[in-house]
C-alpha atoms as a PDB file:
ATOM      1  CA  UNK A   1      56.711 141.194  68.146  1.00  0.00           C
ATOM      2  CA  UNK A   2      57.212 143.166  64.917  1.00  0.00           C
ATOM      3  CA  UNK A   3      58.278 146.797  65.168  1.00  0.00           C
ATOM      4  CA  UNK A   4      55.780 149.502  64.337  1.00  0.00           C
ATOM      5  CA  UNK A   5      56.428 150.857  60.841  1.00  0.00           C
ATOM      6  CA  UNK A   6      57.711 154.389  60.609  1.00  0.00           C
ATOM      7  CA  UNK A   7      55.989 156.492  58.013  1.00  0.00           C
ATOM      8  CA  UNK A   8      58.825 159.007  58.046  1.00  0.00           C
ATOM      9  CA  UNK A   9      61.309 156.591  56.488  1.00  0.00           C
ATOM     10  CA  UNK A  10      61.238 154.840  53.149  1.00  0.00           C
ATOM     11  CA  UNK A  11      62.173 151.186  52.762  1.00  0.00           C
ATOM     12  CA  UNK A  12      64.028 150.773  49.492  1.00  0.00           C
ATOM     13  CA  UNK A  13      63.304 147.066  49.200  1.00  0.00           C
ATOM     14  CA  UNK A  14      59.573 147.728  49.542  1.00  0.00           C
ATOM     15  CA  UNK A  15      59.758 150.462  46.913  1.00  0.00           C
ATOM     16  CA  UNK A  16      61.508 148.142  44.450  1.00  0.00           C
ATOM     17  CA  UNK A  17      58.968 145.373  45.143  1.00  0.00           C
ATOM     18  CA  UNK A  18      56.076 147.780  44.566  1.00  0.00           C
ATOM     19  CA  UNK A  19      57.562 149.059  41.297  1.00  0.00           C
ATOM     20  CA  UNK A  20      58.101 145.475  40.090  1.00  0.00           C
ATOM     21  CA  UNK A  21      54.463 144.620  40.854  1.00  0.00           C
ATOM     22  CA  UNK A  22      53.398 147.756  39.022  1.00  0.00           C
ATOM     23  CA  UNK A  23      55.435 146.755  35.972  1.00  0.00           C
ATOM     24  CA  UNK A  24      53.856 143.299  35.988  1.00  0.00           C
ATOM     25  CA  UNK A  25      50.322 144.694  36.296  1.00  0.00           C
ATOM     26  CA  UNK A  26      50.903 147.171  33.482  1.00  0.00           C
ATOM     27  CA  UNK A  27      52.191 144.358  31.260  1.00  0.00           C
ATOM     28  CA  UNK A  28      49.124 142.234  32.018  1.00  0.00           C
ATOM     29  CA  UNK A  29      46.570 144.997  31.488  1.00  0.00           C
ATOM     30  CA  UNK A  30      48.168 146.784  28.545  1.00  0.00           C
ATOM     31  CA  UNK A  31      50.219 144.184  26.666  1.00  0.00           C
ATOM     32  CA  UNK A  32      50.257 146.082  23.373  1.00  0.00           C
ATOM     33  CA  UNK A  33      51.154 149.468  24.865  1.00  0.00           C
ATOM     34  CA  UNK A  34      54.691 150.716  25.339  1.00  0.00           C
ATOM     35  CA  UNK A  35      54.011 151.430  28.991  1.00  0.00           C
ATOM     36  CA  UNK A  36      55.712 148.257  30.141  1.00  0.00           C
ATOM     37  CA  UNK A  37      59.026 149.524  28.792  1.00  0.00           C
ATOM     38  CA  UNK A  38      58.592 152.722  30.783  1.00  0.00           C
ATOM     39  CA  UNK A  39      57.743 150.700  33.874  1.00  0.00           C
ATOM     40  CA  UNK A  40      60.847 148.558  33.301  1.00  0.00           C
ATOM     41  CA  UNK A  41      62.957 151.720  33.258  1.00  0.00           C
ATOM     42  CA  UNK A  42      61.335 152.743  36.530  1.00  0.00           C
ATOM     43  CA  UNK A  43      62.276 149.354  38.013  1.00  0.00           C
ATOM     44  CA  UNK A  44      65.870 149.821  36.870  1.00  0.00           C
ATOM     45  CA  UNK A  45      65.991 153.312  38.389  1.00  0.00           C
ATOM     46  CA  UNK A  46      64.572 152.066  41.706  1.00  0.00           C
ATOM     47  CA  UNK A  47      67.091 149.209  41.829  1.00  0.00           C
ATOM     48  CA  UNK A  48      69.965 151.572  41.037  1.00  0.00           C
ATOM     49  CA  UNK A  49      68.840 153.966  43.767  1.00  0.00           C
ATOM     50  CA  UNK A  50      68.644 151.089  46.234  1.00  0.00           C
ATOM     51  CA  UNK A  51      72.206 150.097  45.317  1.00  0.00           C
ATOM     52  CA  UNK A  52      73.545 153.660  45.690  1.00  0.00           C
ATOM     53  CA  UNK A  53      71.655 154.518  48.899  1.00  0.00           C
ATOM     54  CA  UNK A  54      74.230 153.151  51.390  1.00  0.00           C
ATOM     55  CA  UNK A  55      76.995 155.239  49.837  1.00  0.00           C
ATOM     56  CA  UNK A  56      74.823 158.340  49.958  1.00  0.00           C
ATOM     57  CA  UNK A  57      74.102 157.851  53.664  1.00  0.00           C
ATOM     58  CA  UNK A  58      77.786 158.040  54.600  1.00  0.00           C
ATOM     59  CA  UNK A  59      79.058 161.469  55.638  1.00  0.00           C
ATOM     60  CA  UNK A  60      81.413 163.307  53.322  1.00  0.00           C
ATOM     61  CA  UNK A  61      84.409 163.469  55.625  1.00  0.00           C
ATOM     62  CA  UNK A  62      86.405 165.620  53.225  1.00  0.00           C
ATOM     63  CA  UNK A  63      83.815 168.350  53.625  1.00  0.00           C
ATOM     64  CA  UNK A  64      83.704 168.006  57.382  1.00  0.00           C
ATOM     65  CA  UNK A  65      87.477 168.133  57.801  1.00  0.00           C
ATOM     66  CA  UNK A  66      87.785 171.498  56.103  1.00  0.00           C
ATOM     67  CA  UNK A  67      86.674 174.088  58.548  1.00  0.00           C
ATOM     68  CA  UNK A  68      85.616 177.347  57.141  1.00  0.00           C
ATOM     69  CA  UNK A  69      87.811 180.115  58.401  1.00  0.00           C
ATOM     70  CA  UNK A  70      85.747 182.248  60.690  1.00  0.00           C
ATOM     71  CA  UNK A  71      86.793 185.772  61.489  1.00  0.00           C
ATOM     72  CA  UNK A  72      87.637 186.435  65.108  1.00  0.00           C
ATOM     73  CA  UNK A  73      86.492 189.229  67.402  1.00  0.00           C
ATOM     74  CA  UNK A  74      83.136 189.581  65.705  1.00  0.00           C
ATOM     75  CA  UNK A  75      84.533 190.779  62.393  1.00  0.00           C
ATOM     76  CA  UNK A  76      82.910 189.723  59.168  1.00  0.00           C
ATOM     77  CA  UNK A  77      84.148 189.105  55.667  1.00  0.00           C
ATOM     78  CA  UNK A  78      85.535 192.307  54.200  1.00  0.00           C
ATOM     79  CA  UNK A  79      85.736 190.795  50.713  1.00  0.00           C
ATOM     80  CA  UNK A  80      81.959 190.602  50.629  1.00  0.00           C
ATOM     81  CA  UNK A  81      81.685 194.253  51.599  1.00  0.00           C
ATOM     82  CA  UNK A  82      80.706 193.662  55.190  1.00  0.00           C
ATOM     83  CA  UNK A  83      81.920 195.886  57.966  1.00  0.00           C
ATOM     84  CA  UNK A  84      83.800 194.899  61.072  1.00  0.00           C
ATOM     85  CA  UNK A  85      82.258 194.975  64.519  1.00  0.00           C
ATOM     86  CA  UNK A  86      85.626 195.693  66.094  1.00  0.00           C
ATOM     87  CA  UNK A  87      86.144 199.204  67.346  1.00  0.00           C
ATOM     88  CA  UNK A  88      88.440 201.341  65.242  1.00  0.00           C
ATOM     89  CA  UNK A  89      87.909 199.446  62.005  1.00  0.00           C
END
């Protein structure tokens, strides 16, 4: 049994296949127009995005490992002009 397609996710291979078909159809219908060159650039962009997608899905561990220093005892950042919630400050 085939899984039900999810319309909340994009399939990169299907996008590239659709763009390739579009390029071919444009070339057949408008052979003298420069549209095919534009469609070819769109194919190249879709293929490049498909190639880069796995790297973009990975988390940026360098950003996750640096924890932002949070003030303790309910105080806030004084550099930004905020006041402290601690008594006596």
